[in-house]
Amino acid sequence: ALQRAYAAALADIPGLVMAPDFLDGWVTSTFNVVLPIDAEPVIEALARSGIEARRWWMDGSHRQPAFADCPRGDLPVTEFLAARVVGLPFFLDLDATDIQRVADELRAIVDQSAQVR
């Protein structure tokens, strides 16, 4: 029910992408989306509204100290996703009103960003 509510509430946000095959019979304990813009200002704006969100993969595992010396090639998809994937509130006590509030705030932030560009 939470997945369906989020999918409906976020459907009209331009450029926002949910996981492939979302709502196609699989269950998740998190709700992550790919934003059409950089995540940091979005997370900061949501926080000012009392909504917690976080960059899901931070800067990517290739930037973690434990992997600094590991060989790797260019990782453009990892870089893109690390900068834009955000975990939104997702827990059993979340209700449709809460989800709509998150969606409305997120929509306003994305819309404002589009106007600035």
Protein backbone atom coordinates (compact mmCIF):
# COMPACT_ATOMS: atom_id res chain seq x y z
CA ALA A 1 0.00 0.00 0.00
CA LEU A 2 2.88 2.39 0.80
CA GLN A 3 4.52 1.66 -2.53
CA ARG A 4 1.30 2.34 -4.43
CA ALA A 5 0.68 5.55 -2.49
CA TYR A 6 4.19 6.83 -3.22
CA ALA A 7 3.97 5.84 -6.89
CA ALA A 8 0.71 7.78 -7.28
CA ALA A 9 1.93 10.81 -5.31
CA LEU A 10 5.23 11.09 -7.22
CA ALA A 11 3.95 10.22 -10.70
CA ASP A 12 3.85 13.80 -11.99
CA ILE A 13 7.32 14.91 -10.87
CA PRO A 14 9.28 15.40 -14.10
CA GLY A 15 12.47 13.36 -14.32
CA LEU A 16 11.98 11.45 -11.07
CA VAL A 17 12.60 7.73 -11.54
CA MET A 18 11.59 4.85 -9.31
CA ALA A 19 13.29 1.47 -9.34
CA PRO A 20 12.77 -0.67 -12.45
CA ASP A 21 9.65 -2.84 -12.16
CA PHE A 22 8.51 -0.95 -9.06
CA LEU A 23 5.06 -2.23 -8.03
CA ASP A 24 5.62 -5.43 -10.02
CA GLY A 25 5.31 -7.89 -7.14
CA TRP A 26 8.53 -7.30 -5.25
CA VAL A 27 8.82 -6.02 -1.70
CA THR A 28 11.33 -3.52 -0.35
CA SER A 29 12.12 -2.10 3.08
CA THR A 30 13.36 1.19 1.60
CA PHE A 31 12.04 3.67 -0.91
CA ASN A 32 14.75 5.14 -3.12
CA VAL A 33 14.26 7.38 -6.12
CA VAL A 34 16.57 8.87 -8.71
CA LEU A 35 16.14 12.63 -8.70
CA PRO A 36 16.33 14.77 -11.84
CA ILE A 37 18.72 17.09 -9.98
CA ASP A 38 21.58 16.83 -7.50
CA ALA A 39 20.42 15.32 -4.20
CA GLU A 40 22.21 17.53 -1.67
CA PRO A 41 20.10 20.68 -2.08
CA VAL A 42 16.95 18.53 -2.17
CA ILE A 43 17.88 16.81 1.09
CA GLU A 44 18.65 20.17 2.69
CA ALA A 45 15.34 21.65 1.56
CA LEU A 46 13.40 18.61 2.76
CA ALA A 47 15.17 18.83 6.12
CA ARG A 48 14.08 22.47 6.49
CA SER A 49 10.52 21.14 6.14
CA GLY A 50 11.10 18.47 8.77
CA ILE A 51 11.44 15.59 6.29
CA GLU A 52 14.47 13.33 6.58
CA ALA A 53 16.03 11.94 3.42
CA ARG A 54 19.54 10.82 2.57
CA ARG A 55 21.81 10.13 -0.34
CA TRP A 56 21.55 6.41 -0.54
CA TRP A 57 25.04 5.45 -1.71
CA MET A 58 26.90 8.55 -0.53
CA ASP A 59 29.79 8.99 -2.99
CA GLY A 60 29.96 5.34 -4.09
CA SER A 61 32.07 2.55 -2.63
CA HIS A 62 34.98 3.39 -4.95
CA ARG A 63 35.45 6.61 -2.95
CA GLN A 64 35.54 4.88 0.43
CA PRO A 65 38.99 4.70 2.06
CA ALA A 66 38.89 0.90 2.15
CA PHE A 67 38.73 0.79 -1.66
CA ALA A 68 40.96 3.77 -2.49
CA ASP A 69 43.81 1.58 -3.74
CA CYS A 70 41.65 -0.83 -5.76
CA PRO A 71 42.00 -0.62 -9.52
CA ARG A 72 38.97 0.74 -11.36
CA GLY A 73 37.96 2.41 -14.56
CA ASP A 74 35.69 5.36 -15.05
CA LEU A 75 32.36 4.95 -13.29
CA PRO A 76 30.02 7.52 -14.86
CA VAL A 77 26.81 5.66 -13.95
CA THR A 78 27.98 5.18 -10.37
CA GLU A 79 28.89 8.87 -10.14
CA PHE A 80 25.50 9.89 -11.56
CA LEU A 81 23.50 7.62 -9.26
CA ALA A 82 25.56 8.42 -6.16
CA ALA A 83 24.77 12.11 -6.66
CA ARG A 84 21.03 11.61 -7.31
CA VAL A 85 19.63 8.54 -5.52
CA VAL A 86 17.76 9.50 -2.36
CA GLY A 87 16.12 7.37 0.28
CA LEU A 88 12.76 8.86 1.24
CA PRO A 89 10.82 8.15 4.45
CA PHE A 90 9.39 4.63 4.31
CA PHE A 91 8.07 2.88 7.41
CA LEU A 92 4.93 1.04 8.50
CA ASP A 93 3.34 3.98 10.34
CA LEU A 94 3.65 6.27 7.32
CA ASP A 95 0.21 7.18 6.03
CA ALA A 96 -1.16 8.66 2.80
CA THR A 97 -1.08 12.18 4.25
CA ASP A 98 2.61 11.83 5.14
CA ILE A 99 3.43 10.47 1.70
CA GLN A 100 1.54 13.30 0.01
CA ARG A 101 3.44 15.83 2.14
CA VAL A 102 6.78 14.33 1.07
CA ALA A 103 5.66 14.33 -2.56
CA ASP A 104 4.39 17.92 -2.41
CA GLU A 105 7.65 19.18 -0.88
CA LEU A 106 9.74 17.21 -3.36
CA ARG A 107 7.67 18.47 -6.30
CA ALA A 108 8.05 22.08 -5.14
CA ILE A 109 11.83 21.68 -4.80
CA VAL A 110 12.19 20.09 -8.26
CA ASP A 111 9.90 22.71 -9.82
CA GLN A 112 11.85 25.55 -8.22
CA SER A 113 15.11 24.05 -9.46
CA ALA A 114 13.72 23.87 -13.01
CA GLN A 115 12.76 27.56 -12.86
CA VAL A 116 16.24 28.54 -11.72
CA ARG A 117 17.93 26.75 -14.64
